[in-house]
Protein backbone atom coordinates (compact mmCIF):
# COMPACT_ATOMS: atom_id res chain seq x y z
CA MET A 1 -0.09 0.12 0.05
CA LEU A 2 1.52 3.18 -1.14
CA THR A 3 1.27 6.21 1.07
CA ARG A 4 -0.37 9.53 0.12
CA GLU A 5 3.06 11.11 -0.66
CA GLN A 6 4.36 8.03 -2.54
CA ALA A 7 1.21 7.79 -4.78
CA GLU A 8 1.43 11.71 -5.60
CA ARG A 9 5.07 11.39 -6.67
CA PHE A 10 4.19 8.34 -8.72
CA ALA A 11 1.30 10.06 -10.34
CA ILE A 12 3.61 13.23 -10.93
CA ARG A 13 6.26 10.97 -12.61
CA GLU A 14 3.90 9.52 -14.68
CA LEU A 15 2.71 12.88 -16.12
CA ILE A 16 6.19 13.90 -16.68
CA ASP A 17 6.76 10.52 -18.66
CA ASN A 18 3.89 11.12 -20.68
CA TRP A 19 4.86 14.59 -21.61
CA ALA A 20 7.92 13.46 -23.41
CA VAL A 21 6.44 10.54 -25.14
CA TRP A 22 3.17 12.35 -26.27
CA ARG A 23 5.09 15.35 -27.77
CA ASP A 24 7.57 13.49 -29.34
CA ALA A 25 5.08 11.25 -30.71
CA THR A 26 3.12 14.19 -31.82
CA LEU A 27 0.04 12.81 -29.86
CA TRP A 28 -1.64 16.29 -29.52
CA ASP A 29 -4.93 15.18 -27.88
CA ARG A 30 -3.39 13.14 -25.32
CA PHE A 31 -0.51 15.74 -24.70
CA ARG A 32 -3.28 18.26 -23.70
CA GLY A 33 -4.26 16.27 -20.71
CA VAL A 34 -0.87 16.89 -18.90
CA TRP A 35 -1.79 20.76 -18.57
CA HIS A 36 -4.16 22.93 -16.60
CA PRO A 37 -5.95 25.14 -18.76
CA GLU A 38 -3.53 28.44 -18.31
CA GLY A 39 -0.44 26.28 -18.49
CA GLN A 40 2.72 27.51 -20.40
CA MET A 41 5.62 26.25 -21.75
CA TRP A 42 9.07 28.28 -21.74
CA ALA A 43 11.66 27.00 -23.89
CA THR A 44 14.64 28.39 -25.76
CA TRP A 45 12.62 28.74 -28.75
CA PHE A 46 9.00 29.23 -27.43
CA GLN A 47 7.25 31.12 -24.68
CA GLY A 48 3.50 30.82 -24.53
CA THR A 49 0.54 28.64 -23.79
CA TYR A 50 0.35 25.15 -24.34
CA GLU A 51 -1.94 25.48 -27.28
CA GLU A 52 0.42 27.69 -28.89
CA PHE A 53 3.20 25.51 -28.27
CA ILE A 54 1.20 22.59 -29.86
CA ALA A 55 0.60 24.91 -33.06
CA ALA A 56 4.21 25.61 -33.00
CA ASN A 57 5.34 22.14 -32.97
CA LYS A 58 2.83 21.17 -35.64
CA GLU A 59 4.19 23.94 -37.99
CA GLY A 60 7.68 23.11 -37.30
CA PHE A 61 7.17 19.34 -37.91
CA ALA A 62 5.71 20.01 -41.29
CA LYS A 63 8.66 21.84 -42.06
CA GLY A 64 11.26 19.13 -41.35
CA VAL A 65 11.93 20.40 -37.27
CA ARG A 66 12.69 17.38 -35.15
CA ILE A 67 13.25 17.75 -31.34
CA LEU A 68 13.33 14.80 -29.27
CA HIS A 69 13.43 14.14 -25.48
CA PHE A 70 15.00 11.67 -23.27
CA LEU A 71 14.41 11.68 -19.65
CA GLY A 72 16.59 10.57 -16.35
CA GLY A 73 15.51 10.83 -12.45
CA SER A 74 13.09 13.16 -10.95
CA SER A 75 13.12 14.80 -7.54
CA ILE A 76 9.80 16.35 -6.43
CA ASP A 77 9.32 18.74 -3.72
CA LEU A 78 5.90 18.45 -2.38
CA ALA A 79 3.50 21.03 -0.70
CA LEU A 80 0.35 18.80 0.02
CA ASP A 81 -1.17 20.93 2.56
CA ASN A 82 -1.31 24.22 0.15
CA LYS A 83 -4.55 25.70 -0.26
CA PRO A 84 -6.76 25.69 -2.13
CA HIS A 85 -4.65 22.93 -3.90
CA PRO A 86 -1.65 20.86 -3.38
CA ARG A 87 1.39 21.97 -5.32
CA ALA A 88 4.56 20.43 -6.41
CA ILE A 89 8.22 21.51 -7.91
CA ALA A 90 9.45 18.55 -10.09
CA GLN A 91 13.32 18.59 -11.61
CA THR A 92 13.88 15.85 -14.04
CA LYS A 93 16.98 15.07 -15.84
CA MET A 94 16.60 15.15 -19.37
CA THR A 95 18.46 15.37 -23.02
CA ILE A 96 17.13 17.52 -25.95
CA SER A 97 18.11 16.17 -29.27
CA GLN A 98 17.75 18.36 -32.52
CA ARG A 99 18.92 17.60 -36.02
CA ALA A 100 19.19 20.07 -38.66
CA THR A 101 21.40 21.59 -41.61
CA VAL A 102 23.93 24.03 -40.36
CA HIS A 103 25.77 25.78 -43.01
CA GLY A 104 25.04 23.04 -45.43
CA VAL A 105 25.96 20.37 -42.69
CA GLU A 106 23.70 17.87 -41.38
CA VAL A 107 24.15 17.95 -37.48
CA ASP A 108 22.74 16.78 -34.27
CA VAL A 109 22.81 18.95 -31.18
CA LEU A 110 22.54 17.10 -27.74
CA CYS A 111 21.87 19.26 -24.90
CA THR A 112 21.49 17.93 -21.17
CA GLY A 113 19.55 19.96 -18.69
CA ARG A 114 16.70 19.81 -16.36
CA PHE A 115 12.65 20.30 -16.81
CA TYR A 116 11.65 22.46 -13.90
CA ASP A 117 7.82 21.89 -13.54
CA PHE A 118 5.35 23.95 -11.31
CA LEU A 119 2.35 21.46 -10.92
CA GLU A 120 -0.99 21.84 -9.14
CA GLN A 121 -3.38 19.12 -7.96
CA ARG A 122 -7.18 19.97 -8.76
CA ASP A 123 -10.22 17.79 -8.44
CA GLY A 124 -7.56 14.82 -7.56
CA LYS A 125 -5.72 15.45 -10.75
CA TRP A 126 -2.10 16.75 -11.20
CA GLY A 127 -1.57 19.18 -14.07
CA LEU A 128 1.21 21.40 -15.30
CA VAL A 129 0.69 25.25 -14.73
CA LEU A 130 4.39 25.97 -16.18
CA ARG A 131 7.44 24.29 -17.49
CA ARG A 132 10.77 25.76 -17.42
CA LEU A 133 14.08 24.39 -18.23
CA CYS A 134 17.53 24.58 -16.85
CA TYR A 135 20.10 24.14 -19.90
CA GLU A 136 23.28 22.55 -18.24
CA LYS A 137 25.64 21.34 -21.29
CA ASP A 138 25.46 20.90 -25.06
CA ARG A 139 27.34 19.92 -28.03
CA ILE A 140 26.95 19.93 -32.05
CA ASP A 141 28.40 16.96 -34.11
CA PRO A 142 28.10 16.66 -38.22
CA ILE A 143 25.92 13.15 -38.90
CA ASP A 144 28.92 12.41 -41.15
CA PRO A 145 31.98 12.48 -39.10
CA SER A 146 34.07 13.43 -42.28
CA ALA A 147 32.22 16.75 -42.74
CA THR A 148 33.79 19.69 -41.43
CA LEU A 149 31.51 22.18 -39.63
CA LYS A 150 32.74 25.82 -39.01
CA LEU A 151 30.46 28.13 -36.86
CA ASP A 152 30.41 31.67 -36.45
CA PRO A 153 32.10 32.37 -33.05
CA ALA A 154 30.75 35.77 -32.63
CA LEU A 155 27.14 34.22 -33.05
CA LEU A 156 27.94 31.32 -30.96
CA ALA A 157 29.24 33.48 -28.16
CA GLU A 158 25.97 35.31 -27.88
CA PHE A 159 24.15 32.40 -25.97
CA PRO A 160 24.70 31.14 -22.52
CA ILE A 161 27.36 28.41 -22.28
CA GLY A 162 24.72 25.72 -21.32
CA TYR A 163 22.64 25.85 -24.68
CA ARG A 164 24.61 27.70 -27.21
CA HIS A 165 24.99 25.06 -29.76
CA LEU A 166 21.29 24.45 -29.67
CA ALA A 167 20.50 28.05 -29.74
CA TYR A 168 23.26 28.34 -32.96
CA LEU A 169 21.05 25.64 -34.73
CA GLN A 170 17.61 26.79 -33.87
CA THR A 171 18.63 30.19 -35.16
CA GLN A 172 19.76 28.49 -38.45
CA VAL A 173 16.58 27.05 -38.60
CA GLY A 174 14.59 30.36 -38.20
CA TYR A 175 13.45 30.49 -34.62
CA LYS A 176 14.18 33.57 -32.25
CA VAL A 177 16.02 32.12 -29.32
CA LYS A 178 15.57 33.69 -25.79
CA LYS A 179 19.18 34.50 -24.15
CA ASP A 180 18.55 34.30 -20.67
CA MET A 181 17.46 30.82 -19.81
CA PRO A 182 18.42 29.26 -16.61
CA GLY A 183 21.78 27.13 -16.62
CA LEU A 184 23.57 24.99 -14.22
CA VAL A 185 24.21 28.05 -12.05
CA GLY A 186 23.74 31.62 -12.10
CA PRO A 187 21.30 34.39 -11.50
CA ASP A 188 18.96 33.23 -13.94
CA THR A 189 18.83 29.77 -12.23
CA ASP A 190 18.74 31.35 -8.76
CA ALA A 191 15.82 33.27 -9.59
CA LEU A 192 14.06 30.29 -10.96
CA TYR A 193 14.58 28.39 -8.06
CA ALA A 194 13.12 31.52 -5.72
CA LYS A 195 10.08 31.24 -8.11
CA GLY A 196 9.68 27.59 -7.27
CA ASN A 197 10.01 28.34 -3.60
CA GLY A 198 7.30 30.75 -3.59
CA TRP A 199 5.26 28.47 -5.89
CA LEU A 200 5.30 25.80 -2.90
CA GLU A 201 4.36 28.58 -0.43
CA GLY A 202 1.05 29.67 -2.25
CA LYS A 203 2.16 32.32 -4.39
CA PRO A 204 1.87 32.78 -8.30
CA CYS A 205 4.39 31.26 -10.80
CA LEU A 206 3.27 33.34 -13.87
């Protein structure tokens, strides 16, 4: 028999797993089920509501954009006594993989980081209110190991070290990339942690 805390952690982790599987498989009707109505997604290339996120993904997919996710472990902080609804912050290790052509060379970018999720339980169901990301380390590799890829060092240096290669690729395929996303450490990361602590204390996250 699971304790209440164990059951809530299990439900949250299932939600996080479903997000990755359903998003990458383009199962959008099921994907909608992990969000609360006001839910928002903030990533390097997109900040907005989950419905806008779905629309942007559909548009990108039609143009050949391929972004995939792989999940690792989770750490979940619970505030089950929060009124009027229980709340949680979940951090989940993950990798983002994106393939595209950069300067005529087909490449893969692999970025390691964490999903940082603001969740609330309403009518017995957990849902995402806000998904943020921490970008910790990335790299870019030609698909053909014999190919030569030369990046613009000035453009590369415009982006934080945790996602500069991912950002470089995304600018090449037409996205406007946000330049102040949280990393492994730093003021933007500290501000996100403070927002998470406030969420568990009953404060808004948006």
